[in-house]
Amino acid sequence: YSGSKHPYYQTAKFPFGYGLSYTDFEFKTEKTEVTKSPEKPKQEEKKTVTYTELQLCFLQIDTDGSINRKMIKRSVPKNMSPLTTAINLLLQGPDTTKPEERNCISLIPQGTKLMSARVDDGIAYLSFSEDFEFNTLGAEGYMGQLMQIVYTASNFSTVKSVQFLVEGEKKDYLGSEGQWIGSPLSKNSFAY
């Protein structure tokens, strides 16, 4: 086919230099048309979000001044650490935009942060920032904040009691009022 008019062959000459002559090479070239198929619009993946219901313990003050527990249910996206989620929601305080939480209060000191959480053999080890140690409401304030956390954590079947830690350290007493936190506290630790 060299030099022929066949549509798929062409003759080309390439110089090689260094005193070599031009040499004929045959290349087969085919004409092909590339047609681009229209792109299918990407369908958005619909992710199904599964929700779980958490119970948070807030407090209400009755007309006679007594403090009572009020368990609030919150629906949140399911995740791998529901205890951490529940405690962090508790630390944010009641959502007063919701009717069932309007008259609720929290005695946990503002600015308190959860540093870590783990559960071992039925005991939740919860470490809080140092803000947790300073409750301006005295002994009742300390009892209230501890009770809120114990009741919230104990709603999980894996938690029977809570060992409180401050900045990762175990302490015997909380604050200047001397509220005992040297051993795990359970719901039975509170008279409320």
C-alpha atoms as a PDB file:
ATOM      1  CA  TYR A   1       0.000   0.000   0.000  1.00  0.00           C
ATOM      2  CA  SER A   2       3.004   2.301   0.077  1.00  0.00           C
ATOM      3  CA  GLY A   3       2.303   5.408  -1.917  1.00  0.00           C
ATOM      4  CA  SER A   4      -1.187   4.186  -2.705  1.00  0.00           C
ATOM      5  CA  LYS A   5      -4.267   6.247  -2.372  1.00  0.00           C
ATOM      6  CA  HIS A   6      -5.765   3.896   0.175  1.00  0.00           C
ATOM      7  CA  PRO A   7      -7.612   6.067   2.714  1.00  0.00           C
ATOM      8  CA  TYR A   8      -6.085   4.391   5.742  1.00  0.00           C
ATOM      9  CA  TYR A   9      -2.421   4.595   4.833  1.00  0.00           C
ATOM     10  CA  GLN A  10      -0.123   7.566   4.418  1.00  0.00           C
ATOM     11  CA  THR A  11       3.564   7.698   3.633  1.00  0.00           C
ATOM     12  CA  ALA A  12       5.785   9.904   5.729  1.00  0.00           C
ATOM     13  CA  LYS A  13       9.496  10.704   5.529  1.00  0.00           C
ATOM     14  CA  PHE A  14      11.550  11.415   8.612  1.00  0.00           C
ATOM     15  CA  PRO A  15      15.101  12.805   8.648  1.00  0.00           C
ATOM     16  CA  PHE A  16      17.431  10.889  10.923  1.00  0.00           C
ATOM     17  CA  GLY A  17      20.491  13.177  10.779  1.00  0.00           C
ATOM     18  CA  TYR A  18      24.045  12.021  11.362  1.00  0.00           C
ATOM     19  CA  GLY A  19      24.457  11.368   7.655  1.00  0.00           C
ATOM     20  CA  LEU A  20      21.505   9.022   7.425  1.00  0.00           C
ATOM     21  CA  SER A  21      19.047   9.432   4.598  1.00  0.00           C
ATOM     22  CA  TYR A  22      15.332   9.879   4.699  1.00  0.00           C
ATOM     23  CA  THR A  23      13.466   6.668   5.188  1.00  0.00           C
ATOM     24  CA  ASP A  24       9.907   5.947   4.274  1.00  0.00           C
ATOM     25  CA  PHE A  25       7.593   4.814   7.053  1.00  0.00           C
ATOM     26  CA  GLU A  26       4.032   3.797   6.665  1.00  0.00           C
ATOM     27  CA  PHE A  27       1.483   4.750   9.257  1.00  0.00           C
ATOM     28  CA  LYS A  28      -1.988   3.446   9.385  1.00  0.00           C
ATOM     29  CA  THR A  29      -4.381   6.198  10.317  1.00  0.00           C
ATOM     30  CA  GLU A  30      -8.027   5.659  10.739  1.00  0.00           C
ATOM     31  CA  LYS A  31     -10.640   8.291  10.805  1.00  0.00           C
ATOM     32  CA  THR A  32     -12.999   7.701  13.647  1.00  0.00           C
ATOM     33  CA  GLU A  33     -15.675   9.953  14.862  1.00  0.00           C
ATOM     34  CA  VAL A  34     -15.973  10.382  18.572  1.00  0.00           C
ATOM     35  CA  THR A  35     -19.439  11.022  19.706  1.00  0.00           C
ATOM     36  CA  LYS A  36     -19.916  12.195  23.214  1.00  0.00           C
ATOM     37  CA  SER A  37     -22.945  10.810  24.862  1.00  0.00           C
ATOM     38  CA  PRO A  38     -24.875  13.389  26.800  1.00  0.00           C
ATOM     39  CA  GLU A  39     -23.943  13.387  30.465  1.00  0.00           C
ATOM     40  CA  LYS A  40     -26.587  12.173  32.776  1.00  0.00           C
ATOM     41  CA  PRO A  41     -27.305  14.696  35.478  1.00  0.00           C
ATOM     42  CA  LYS A  42     -25.906  13.494  38.749  1.00  0.00           C
ATOM     43  CA  GLN A  43     -28.634  12.453  41.036  1.00  0.00           C
ATOM     44  CA  GLU A  44     -28.221  13.726  44.543  1.00  0.00           C
ATOM     45  CA  GLU A  45     -27.774  10.904  46.941  1.00  0.00           C
ATOM     46  CA  LYS A  46     -30.542  10.984  49.429  1.00  0.00           C
ATOM     47  CA  LYS A  47     -29.067  10.249  52.803  1.00  0.00           C
ATOM     48  CA  THR A  48     -31.482   8.932  55.310  1.00  0.00           C
ATOM     49  CA  VAL A  49     -30.894  10.519  58.671  1.00  0.00           C
ATOM     50  CA  THR A  50     -31.856   8.372  61.602  1.00  0.00           C
ATOM     51  CA  TYR A  51     -32.865  10.165  64.757  1.00  0.00           C
ATOM     52  CA  THR A  52     -32.630   9.083  68.349  1.00  0.00           C
ATOM     53  CA  GLU A  53     -34.377  10.495  71.370  1.00  0.00           C
ATOM     54  CA  LEU A  54     -32.256  11.685  74.285  1.00  0.00           C
ATOM     55  CA  GLN A  55     -33.530  12.605  77.739  1.00  0.00           C
ATOM     56  CA  LEU A  56     -32.041  15.606  79.478  1.00  0.00           C
ATOM     57  CA  CYS A  57     -32.561  16.523  83.108  1.00  0.00           C
ATOM     58  CA  PHE A  58     -33.392  20.169  83.757  1.00  0.00           C
ATOM     59  CA  LEU A  59     -34.931  21.726  86.847  1.00  0.00           C
ATOM     60  CA  GLN A  60     -38.088  23.681  87.578  1.00  0.00           C
ATOM     61  CA  ILE A  61     -38.791  25.881  90.565  1.00  0.00           C
ATOM     62  CA  ASP A  62     -42.324  25.492  91.884  1.00  0.00           C
ATOM     63  CA  THR A  63     -44.411  28.319  93.304  1.00  0.00           C
ATOM     64  CA  ASP A  64     -43.437  27.228  96.830  1.00  0.00           C
ATOM     65  CA  GLY A  65     -39.740  27.553  95.886  1.00  0.00           C
ATOM     66  CA  SER A  66     -39.002  23.858  95.752  1.00  0.00           C
ATOM     67  CA  ILE A  67     -36.737  22.537  93.016  1.00  0.00           C
ATOM     68  CA  ASN A  68     -37.994  19.606  90.953  1.00  0.00           C
ATOM     69  CA  ARG A  69     -36.479  17.529  88.169  1.00  0.00           C
ATOM     70  CA  LYS A  70     -37.993  17.777  84.722  1.00  0.00           C
ATOM     71  CA  MET A  71     -36.918  15.258  82.102  1.00  0.00           C
ATOM     72  CA  ILE A  72     -36.984  16.738  78.604  1.00  0.00           C
ATOM     73  CA  LYS A  73     -36.865  14.677  75.416  1.00  0.00           C
ATOM     74  CA  ARG A  74     -34.809  15.898  72.484  1.00  0.00           C
ATOM     75  CA  SER A  75     -34.652  14.246  69.081  1.00  0.00           C
ATOM     76  CA  VAL A  76     -31.174  14.401  67.530  1.00  0.00           C
ATOM     77  CA  PRO A  77     -29.420  12.725  64.600  1.00  0.00           C
ATOM     78  CA  LYS A  78     -28.105   9.342  65.700  1.00  0.00           C
ATOM     79  CA  ASN A  79     -24.340   9.235  66.200  1.00  0.00           C
ATOM     80  CA  MET A  80     -21.594   7.103  67.701  1.00  0.00           C
ATOM     81  CA  SER A  81     -21.431   8.991  71.020  1.00  0.00           C
ATOM     82  CA  PRO A  82     -24.948   9.692  72.312  1.00  0.00           C
ATOM     83  CA  LEU A  83     -23.776  10.188  75.914  1.00  0.00           C
ATOM     84  CA  THR A  84     -21.408  12.966  74.839  1.00  0.00           C
ATOM     85  CA  THR A  85     -24.186  14.502  72.739  1.00  0.00           C
ATOM     86  CA  ALA A  86     -26.651  14.391  75.642  1.00  0.00           C
ATOM     87  CA  ILE A  87     -24.218  15.971  78.123  1.00  0.00           C
ATOM     88  CA  ASN A  88     -23.237  18.696  75.639  1.00  0.00           C
ATOM     89  CA  LEU A  89     -26.914  19.509  75.024  1.00  0.00           C
ATOM     90  CA  LEU A  90     -27.451  19.624  78.781  1.00  0.00           C
ATOM     91  CA  LEU A  91     -24.544  22.063  79.155  1.00  0.00           C
ATOM     92  CA  GLN A  92     -26.167  24.356  76.569  1.00  0.00           C
ATOM     93  CA  GLY A  93     -29.162  24.710  78.865  1.00  0.00           C
ATOM     94  CA  PRO A  94     -32.893  24.586  78.166  1.00  0.00           C
ATOM     95  CA  ASP A  95     -34.195  25.609  74.747  1.00  0.00           C
ATOM     96  CA  THR A  96     -36.694  28.281  75.776  1.00  0.00           C
ATOM     97  CA  THR A  97     -38.136  28.402  72.239  1.00  0.00           C
ATOM     98  CA  LYS A  98     -39.799  25.061  73.002  1.00  0.00           C
ATOM     99  CA  PRO A  99     -42.915  25.274  75.195  1.00  0.00           C
ATOM    100  CA  GLU A 100     -41.970  22.242  77.309  1.00  0.00           C
ATOM    101  CA  GLU A 101     -38.637  23.854  78.249  1.00  0.00           C
ATOM    102  CA  ARG A 102     -39.746  27.459  78.892  1.00  0.00           C
ATOM    103  CA  ASN A 103     -39.934  27.159  82.668  1.00  0.00           C
ATOM    104  CA  CYS A 104     -36.817  25.025  82.995  1.00  0.00           C
ATOM    105  CA  ILE A 105     -33.474  26.094  84.427  1.00  0.00           C
ATOM    106  CA  SER A 106     -30.033  24.585  84.684  1.00  0.00           C
ATOM    107  CA  LEU A 107     -27.813  24.882  87.739  1.00  0.00           C
ATOM    108  CA  ILE A 108     -24.688  23.825  85.851  1.00  0.00           C
ATOM    109  CA  PRO A 109     -22.280  26.795  85.857  1.00  0.00           C
ATOM    110  CA  GLN A 110     -22.146  28.694  82.562  1.00  0.00           C
ATOM    111  CA  GLY A 111     -18.999  28.085  80.563  1.00  0.00           C
ATOM    112  CA  THR A 112     -18.683  24.475  81.739  1.00  0.00           C
ATOM    113  CA  LYS A 113     -17.373  22.222  78.985  1.00  0.00           C
ATOM    114  CA  LEU A 114     -17.255  18.450  78.714  1.00  0.00           C
ATOM    115  CA  MET A 115     -13.590  17.504  78.238  1.00  0.00           C
ATOM    116  CA  SER A 116     -14.072  13.739  77.848  1.00  0.00           C
ATOM    117  CA  ALA A 117     -16.567  10.948  78.408  1.00  0.00           C
ATOM    118  CA  ARG A 118     -16.212   7.199  78.626  1.00  0.00           C
ATOM    119  CA  VAL A 119     -18.198   4.350  80.143  1.00  0.00           C
ATOM    120  CA  ASP A 120     -16.513   1.444  81.891  1.00  0.00           C
ATOM    121  CA  ASP A 121     -18.352  -1.311  83.752  1.00  0.00           C
ATOM    122  CA  GLY A 122     -21.520   0.775  84.265  1.00  0.00           C
ATOM    123  CA  ILE A 123     -19.682   3.909  85.396  1.00  0.00           C
ATOM    124  CA  ALA A 124     -19.614   7.010  83.202  1.00  0.00           C
ATOM    125  CA  TYR A 125     -16.350   8.898  83.708  1.00  0.00           C
ATOM    126  CA  LEU A 126     -17.147  12.487  82.801  1.00  0.00           C
ATOM    127  CA  SER A 127     -14.424  15.106  82.855  1.00  0.00           C
ATOM    128  CA  PHE A 128     -15.467  18.755  82.951  1.00  0.00           C
ATOM    129  CA  SER A 129     -13.604  22.038  82.634  1.00  0.00           C
ATOM    130  CA  GLU A 130     -12.688  23.884  85.822  1.00  0.00           C
ATOM    131  CA  ASP A 131     -15.785  26.112  85.447  1.00  0.00           C
ATOM    132  CA  PHE A 132     -17.717  23.123  86.764  1.00  0.00           C
ATOM    133  CA  GLU A 133     -16.201  23.715  90.235  1.00  0.00           C
ATOM    134  CA  PHE A 134     -17.640  27.192  90.776  1.00  0.00           C
ATOM    135  CA  ASN A 135     -21.366  27.346  91.436  1.00  0.00           C
ATOM    136  CA  THR A 136     -22.521  30.712  92.770  1.00  0.00           C
ATOM    137  CA  LEU A 137     -25.696  29.145  94.232  1.00  0.00           C
ATOM    138  CA  GLY A 138     -23.872  27.261  96.984  1.00  0.00           C
ATOM    139  CA  ALA A 139     -24.706  23.756  98.250  1.00  0.00           C
ATOM    140  CA  GLU A 140     -28.091  23.540  96.476  1.00  0.00           C
ATOM    141  CA  GLY A 141     -26.478  24.688  93.257  1.00  0.00           C
ATOM    142  CA  TYR A 142     -23.836  21.968  93.482  1.00  0.00           C
ATOM    143  CA  MET A 143     -26.420  19.296  94.283  1.00  0.00           C
ATOM    144  CA  GLY A 144     -28.594  20.457  91.390  1.00  0.00           C
ATOM    145  CA  GLN A 145     -25.790  20.435  88.823  1.00  0.00           C
ATOM    146  CA  LEU A 146     -24.609  16.975  89.886  1.00  0.00           C
ATOM    147  CA  MET A 147     -28.158  15.624  89.852  1.00  0.00           C
ATOM    148  CA  GLN A 148     -28.829  16.988  86.354  1.00  0.00           C
ATOM    149  CA  ILE A 149     -25.789  15.198  84.975  1.00  0.00           C
ATOM    150  CA  VAL A 150     -26.358  11.921  86.844  1.00  0.00           C
ATOM    151  CA  TYR A 151     -30.009  11.718  85.747  1.00  0.00           C
ATOM    152  CA  THR A 152     -29.129  12.577  82.127  1.00  0.00           C
ATOM    153  CA  ALA A 153     -26.287  10.032  81.966  1.00  0.00           C
ATOM    154  CA  SER A 154     -28.254   7.315  83.795  1.00  0.00           C
ATOM    155  CA  ASN A 155     -30.889   7.289  81.067  1.00  0.00           C
ATOM    156  CA  PHE A 156     -28.468   5.189  79.049  1.00  0.00           C
ATOM    157  CA  SER A 157     -28.741   1.477  79.816  1.00  0.00           C
ATOM    158  CA  THR A 158     -24.947   1.190  80.011  1.00  0.00           C
ATOM    159  CA  VAL A 159     -24.670   3.826  82.789  1.00  0.00           C
ATOM    160  CA  LYS A 160     -25.516   3.074  86.414  1.00  0.00           C
ATOM    161  CA  SER A 161     -23.490   5.871  88.030  1.00  0.00           C
ATOM    162  CA  VAL A 162     -21.207   8.819  87.225  1.00  0.00           C
ATOM    163  CA  GLN A 163     -17.658   9.508  88.366  1.00  0.00           C
ATOM    164  CA  PHE A 164     -17.042  13.249  88.110  1.00  0.00           C
ATOM    165  CA  LEU A 165     -13.611  14.496  87.067  1.00  0.00           C
ATOM    166  CA  VAL A 166     -12.378  18.077  86.790  1.00  0.00           C
ATOM    167  CA  GLU A 167      -9.836  18.667  84.026  1.00  0.00           C
ATOM    168  CA  GLY A 168      -9.276  14.899  83.947  1.00  0.00           C
ATOM    169  CA  GLU A 169      -8.468  14.667  87.681  1.00  0.00           C
ATOM    170  CA  LYS A 170     -10.492  12.847  90.305  1.00  0.00           C
ATOM    171  CA  LYS A 171     -11.350  15.095  93.246  1.00  0.00           C
ATOM    172  CA  ASP A 172     -12.952  14.277  96.562  1.00  0.00           C
ATOM    173  CA  TYR A 173     -15.046  17.433  96.860  1.00  0.00           C
ATOM    174  CA  LEU A 174     -16.620  19.903  94.486  1.00  0.00           C
ATOM    175  CA  GLY A 175     -16.251  23.599  95.261  1.00  0.00           C
ATOM    176  CA  SER A 176     -15.919  25.423  98.552  1.00  0.00           C
ATOM    177  CA  GLU A 177     -19.167  23.912  99.882  1.00  0.00           C
ATOM    178  CA  GLY A 178     -17.525  20.493  99.920  1.00  0.00           C
ATOM    179  CA  GLN A 179     -19.997  18.462  97.867  1.00  0.00           C
ATOM    180  CA  TRP A 180     -18.682  14.855  97.745  1.00  0.00           C
ATOM    181  CA  ILE A 181     -17.637  13.631  94.256  1.00  0.00           C
ATOM    182  CA  GLY A 182     -14.845  11.245  95.337  1.00  0.00           C
ATOM    183  CA  SER A 183     -16.799   8.148  94.300  1.00  0.00           C
ATOM    184  CA  PRO A 184     -19.385   7.468  91.578  1.00  0.00           C
ATOM    185  CA  LEU A 185     -22.816   9.039  92.171  1.00  0.00           C
ATOM    186  CA  SER A 186     -26.084   7.366  91.159  1.00  0.00           C
ATOM    187  CA  LYS A 187     -29.715   8.497  91.145  1.00  0.00           C
ATOM    188  CA  ASN A 188     -29.956   7.189  94.711  1.00  0.00           C
ATOM    189  CA  SER A 189     -27.405   9.856  95.760  1.00  0.00           C
ATOM    190  CA  PHE A 190     -30.058  12.579  95.529  1.00  0.00           C
ATOM    191  CA  ALA A 191     -33.064  13.280  97.734  1.00  0.00           C
ATOM    192  CA  TYR A 192     -34.849  15.382  95.083  1.00  0.00           C
END
